[in-house]
Amino acid sequence: MARLFADRLRPYVAPPLWQRELRDWLRRRGQVVVLLQAQKQQAAMAPAPVRKLAARTIAALVRELAAIEKAMKALINEHATPALRSSKGLGPVFQATVLALLPELGHLDRRQIAKLTGVAPMNRDSGQGQGKRRIRGGRAPVRVALYMATLSAVRWDPTMKAHYQQLRARGKLGKVALVACMRKLLGIINARRRDELRAEGLALA
């Protein structure tokens, strides 16, 4: 197996310290967001004395979320490149997610990066039967961040908006068109990042 895939294998390189730190902040942010949602829902159904106590917890979580996002922003400002800011909708959470969890951006072609992220249509064929193509697998946190970025991009970015409208005019369902836009947006960002790496002399063969 090693001989067969020797030309594709690369030695493991540990992620830099800043990237590991950003992953930890991103993970904690997700935990705090879930806790905040739960506390707000529970407080809404609780009697007044309980709501008063819950408000203190909510306030503490809001402060923690602000501190987390401040720390994330500092790392983003230091390490994000123009490619990650090149379209509308690519906000801080998307930038942090890609920086932390998708270091392959710019090193792979558009099909490879789409598969890695989990937005490439995969067949479900068996024998002579052909199933519907569906997206599956990939890195779920990156896919979620890309989905949210695409929702904004199809509203405010002229290129993505036009692409979405063309797909809908051709009869594509809204969700199918949105996934296609996710794939296109990722491909655009990947190409721009690849160009940056080539300019820096860092692109992999």
Protein backbone atom coordinates (compact mmCIF):
# COMPACT_ATOMS: atom_id res chain seq x y z
CA MET A 1 0.00 0.00 0.00
CA ALA A 2 2.81 2.39 0.88
CA ARG A 3 4.55 1.68 -2.43
CA LEU A 4 1.33 2.23 -4.41
CA PHE A 5 0.65 5.60 -2.79
CA ALA A 6 4.25 6.71 -2.25
CA ASP A 7 3.96 9.51 -4.79
CA ARG A 8 0.89 10.92 -3.01
CA LEU A 9 2.11 10.66 0.58
CA ARG A 10 3.68 13.61 2.31
CA PRO A 11 5.43 13.63 5.67
CA TYR A 12 3.32 14.84 8.56
CA VAL A 13 3.98 18.43 9.54
CA ALA A 14 2.53 19.61 12.85
CA PRO A 15 0.32 22.70 12.51
CA PRO A 16 1.91 25.91 13.75
CA LEU A 17 1.15 27.08 17.26
CA TRP A 18 -1.12 29.94 16.11
CA GLN A 19 -3.26 27.51 14.12
CA ARG A 20 -3.68 25.15 17.08
CA GLU A 21 -4.58 28.14 19.25
CA LEU A 22 -7.17 29.29 16.71
CA ARG A 23 -8.69 25.80 16.63
CA ASP A 24 -9.07 25.89 20.41
CA TRP A 25 -10.71 29.34 20.32
CA LEU A 26 -13.03 28.19 17.54
CA ARG A 27 -14.03 25.07 19.48
CA ARG A 28 -14.71 27.10 22.61
CA ARG A 29 -16.74 29.64 20.65
CA GLY A 30 -18.99 26.86 19.38
CA GLN A 31 -19.50 25.59 22.91
CA VAL A 32 -20.36 29.06 24.24
CA VAL A 33 -22.82 29.72 21.40
CA VAL A 34 -24.65 26.47 22.16
CA LEU A 35 -24.72 27.28 25.88
CA LEU A 36 -26.07 30.77 25.20
CA GLN A 37 -28.88 29.44 23.02
CA ALA A 38 -29.84 26.87 25.65
CA GLN A 39 -29.78 29.40 28.50
CA LYS A 40 -31.92 31.89 26.59
CA GLN A 41 -34.49 29.23 25.69
CA GLN A 42 -34.67 27.95 29.26
CA ALA A 43 -34.90 31.45 30.71
CA ALA A 44 -37.80 32.31 28.41
CA MET A 45 -39.89 29.53 29.95
CA ALA A 46 -38.79 29.98 33.57
CA PRO A 47 -40.50 31.95 36.36
CA ALA A 48 -39.20 35.43 37.18
CA PRO A 49 -36.78 34.45 40.03
CA VAL A 50 -35.15 31.83 37.82
CA ARG A 51 -34.94 34.24 34.89
CA LYS A 52 -33.08 36.68 37.11
CA LEU A 53 -30.45 34.07 37.95
CA ALA A 54 -30.27 32.89 34.36
CA ALA A 55 -29.66 36.48 33.23
CA ARG A 56 -26.39 36.48 35.19
CA THR A 57 -25.26 33.32 33.42
CA ILE A 58 -26.25 34.74 30.05
CA ALA A 59 -24.37 37.97 30.75
CA ALA A 60 -21.25 35.98 31.72
CA LEU A 61 -21.47 33.92 28.54
CA VAL A 62 -21.90 37.06 26.43
CA ARG A 63 -18.74 38.51 27.98
CA GLU A 64 -16.87 35.28 27.36
CA LEU A 65 -18.03 35.18 23.73
CA ALA A 66 -16.81 38.75 23.22
CA ALA A 67 -13.40 37.84 24.70
CA ILE A 68 -13.15 34.76 22.48
CA GLU A 69 -14.02 36.72 19.34
CA LYS A 70 -11.47 39.40 20.26
CA ALA A 71 -8.75 36.75 20.55
CA MET A 72 -9.85 35.16 17.27
CA LYS A 73 -9.87 38.52 15.51
CA ALA A 74 -6.28 39.18 16.56
CA LEU A 75 -5.16 35.88 15.01
CA ILE A 76 -7.25 36.46 11.88
CA ASN A 77 -5.77 39.94 11.37
CA GLU A 78 -2.29 38.48 11.65
CA HIS A 79 -2.71 35.43 9.42
CA ALA A 80 -5.67 35.92 7.04
CA THR A 81 -4.74 36.81 3.47
CA PRO A 82 -6.73 38.87 0.93
CA ALA A 83 -8.13 35.66 -0.60
CA LEU A 84 -10.13 35.03 2.57
CA ARG A 85 -11.62 38.52 2.39
CA SER A 86 -12.16 38.64 -1.37
CA SER A 87 -15.96 38.15 -1.47
CA LYS A 88 -18.90 39.48 0.48
CA GLY A 89 -20.05 37.07 3.16
CA LEU A 90 -16.57 35.92 4.17
CA GLY A 91 -16.80 37.10 7.76
CA PRO A 92 -14.56 36.46 10.78
CA VAL A 93 -16.06 33.06 11.64
CA PHE A 94 -15.54 31.79 8.10
CA GLN A 95 -12.00 33.15 8.00
CA ALA A 96 -11.16 31.60 11.37
CA THR A 97 -12.65 28.25 10.37
CA VAL A 98 -10.70 28.06 7.12
CA LEU A 99 -7.45 29.19 8.73
CA ALA A 100 -7.82 26.67 11.54
CA LEU A 101 -9.36 23.67 9.79
CA LEU A 102 -8.58 23.92 6.06
CA PRO A 103 -4.83 24.45 5.66
CA GLU A 104 -5.02 22.64 2.29
CA LEU A 105 -6.72 25.68 0.74
CA GLY A 106 -4.77 26.72 -2.35
CA HIS A 107 -2.74 23.48 -2.41
CA LEU A 108 -5.48 21.38 -4.06
CA ASP A 109 -7.52 21.79 -7.22
CA ARG A 110 -11.18 22.82 -7.07
CA ARG A 111 -12.51 19.26 -7.21
CA GLN A 112 -10.20 18.03 -4.45
CA ILE A 113 -10.98 20.94 -2.14
CA ALA A 114 -14.72 20.47 -2.75
CA LYS A 115 -14.46 16.79 -1.78
CA LEU A 116 -12.38 17.60 1.28
CA THR A 117 -14.98 20.14 2.43
CA GLY A 118 -17.90 17.85 1.63
CA VAL A 119 -19.64 19.92 -1.07
CA ALA A 120 -18.83 17.74 -4.08
CA PRO A 121 -21.74 15.68 -5.49
CA MET A 122 -20.98 12.00 -4.89
CA ASN A 123 -22.69 9.23 -6.81
CA ARG A 124 -24.74 6.45 -5.20
CA ASP A 125 -24.67 4.05 -8.13
CA SER A 126 -24.93 0.29 -7.79
CA GLY A 127 -24.68 -2.00 -10.79
CA GLN A 128 -26.85 -0.54 -13.52
CA GLY A 129 -28.83 1.59 -11.08
CA GLN A 130 -28.06 5.26 -10.69
CA GLY A 131 -28.91 7.06 -7.47
CA LYS A 132 -29.14 10.78 -6.85
CA ARG A 133 -25.88 12.65 -6.47
CA ARG A 134 -25.55 13.99 -2.94
CA ILE A 135 -22.91 15.77 -0.92
CA ARG A 136 -21.54 13.82 2.01
CA GLY A 137 -18.48 13.42 4.18
CA GLY A 138 -15.85 16.10 4.39
CA ARG A 139 -15.14 18.51 7.21
CA ALA A 140 -18.48 19.46 8.71
CA PRO A 141 -17.36 22.63 10.58
CA VAL A 142 -15.87 24.05 7.37
CA ARG A 143 -19.00 23.13 5.42
CA VAL A 144 -21.23 24.87 7.96
CA ALA A 145 -19.09 28.03 7.86
CA LEU A 146 -19.12 27.93 4.05
CA TYR A 147 -22.91 27.52 4.04
CA MET A 148 -23.38 30.63 6.20
CA ALA A 149 -20.93 32.60 4.07
CA THR A 150 -22.74 31.54 0.89
CA LEU A 151 -26.12 32.58 2.27
CA SER A 152 -24.74 36.09 2.61
CA ALA A 153 -22.82 35.99 -0.68
CA VAL A 154 -25.86 35.11 -2.82
CA ARG A 155 -27.56 38.20 -1.41
CA TRP A 156 -24.75 40.75 -1.55
CA ASP A 157 -22.01 39.54 -3.92
CA PRO A 158 -22.97 40.31 -7.55
CA THR A 159 -21.17 37.27 -9.01
CA MET A 160 -22.65 34.79 -6.56
CA LYS A 161 -26.08 36.38 -6.74
CA ALA A 162 -26.12 36.09 -10.55
CA HIS A 163 -24.95 32.47 -10.39
CA TYR A 164 -27.67 31.55 -7.90
CA GLN A 165 -30.36 33.25 -9.97
CA GLN A 166 -29.19 31.48 -13.14
CA LEU A 167 -29.40 28.11 -11.41
CA ARG A 168 -32.90 28.84 -10.12
CA ALA A 169 -33.99 30.01 -13.58
CA ARG A 170 -32.83 26.65 -14.95
CA GLY A 171 -35.17 24.90 -12.54
CA LYS A 172 -32.73 23.92 -9.80
CA LEU A 173 -34.22 23.60 -6.32
CA GLY A 174 -33.19 26.29 -3.87
CA LYS A 175 -31.08 23.95 -1.75
CA VAL A 176 -29.41 22.41 -4.81
CA ALA A 177 -28.62 25.86 -6.20
CA LEU A 178 -27.21 26.96 -2.84
CA VAL A 179 -24.90 23.94 -2.63
CA ALA A 180 -23.69 24.68 -6.17
CA CYS A 181 -22.97 28.24 -5.04
CA MET A 182 -21.07 26.90 -2.03
CA ARG A 183 -18.94 24.87 -4.41
CA LYS A 184 -18.36 27.84 -6.71
CA LEU A 185 -17.48 30.21 -3.86
CA LEU A 186 -15.03 27.70 -2.42
CA GLY A 187 -13.46 27.23 -5.85
CA ILE A 188 -13.02 30.99 -6.26
CA ILE A 189 -11.38 31.36 -2.84
CA ASN A 190 -9.20 28.31 -3.49
CA ALA A 191 -7.99 29.73 -6.82
CA ARG A 192 -7.20 33.09 -5.26
CA ARG A 193 -5.32 31.45 -2.43
CA ARG A 194 -3.41 29.31 -4.94
CA ASP A 195 -2.38 32.47 -6.78
CA GLU A 196 -1.16 33.96 -3.50
CA LEU A 197 0.91 30.86 -2.75
CA ARG A 198 2.42 30.89 -6.24
CA ALA A 199 3.34 34.53 -5.81
CA GLU A 200 5.03 33.58 -2.54
CA GLY A 201 6.71 30.57 -4.13
CA LEU A 202 4.96 28.19 -1.72
CA ALA A 203 2.49 26.33 -3.94
CA LEU A 204 2.92 22.57 -3.89
CA ALA A 205 3.38 20.67 -7.14
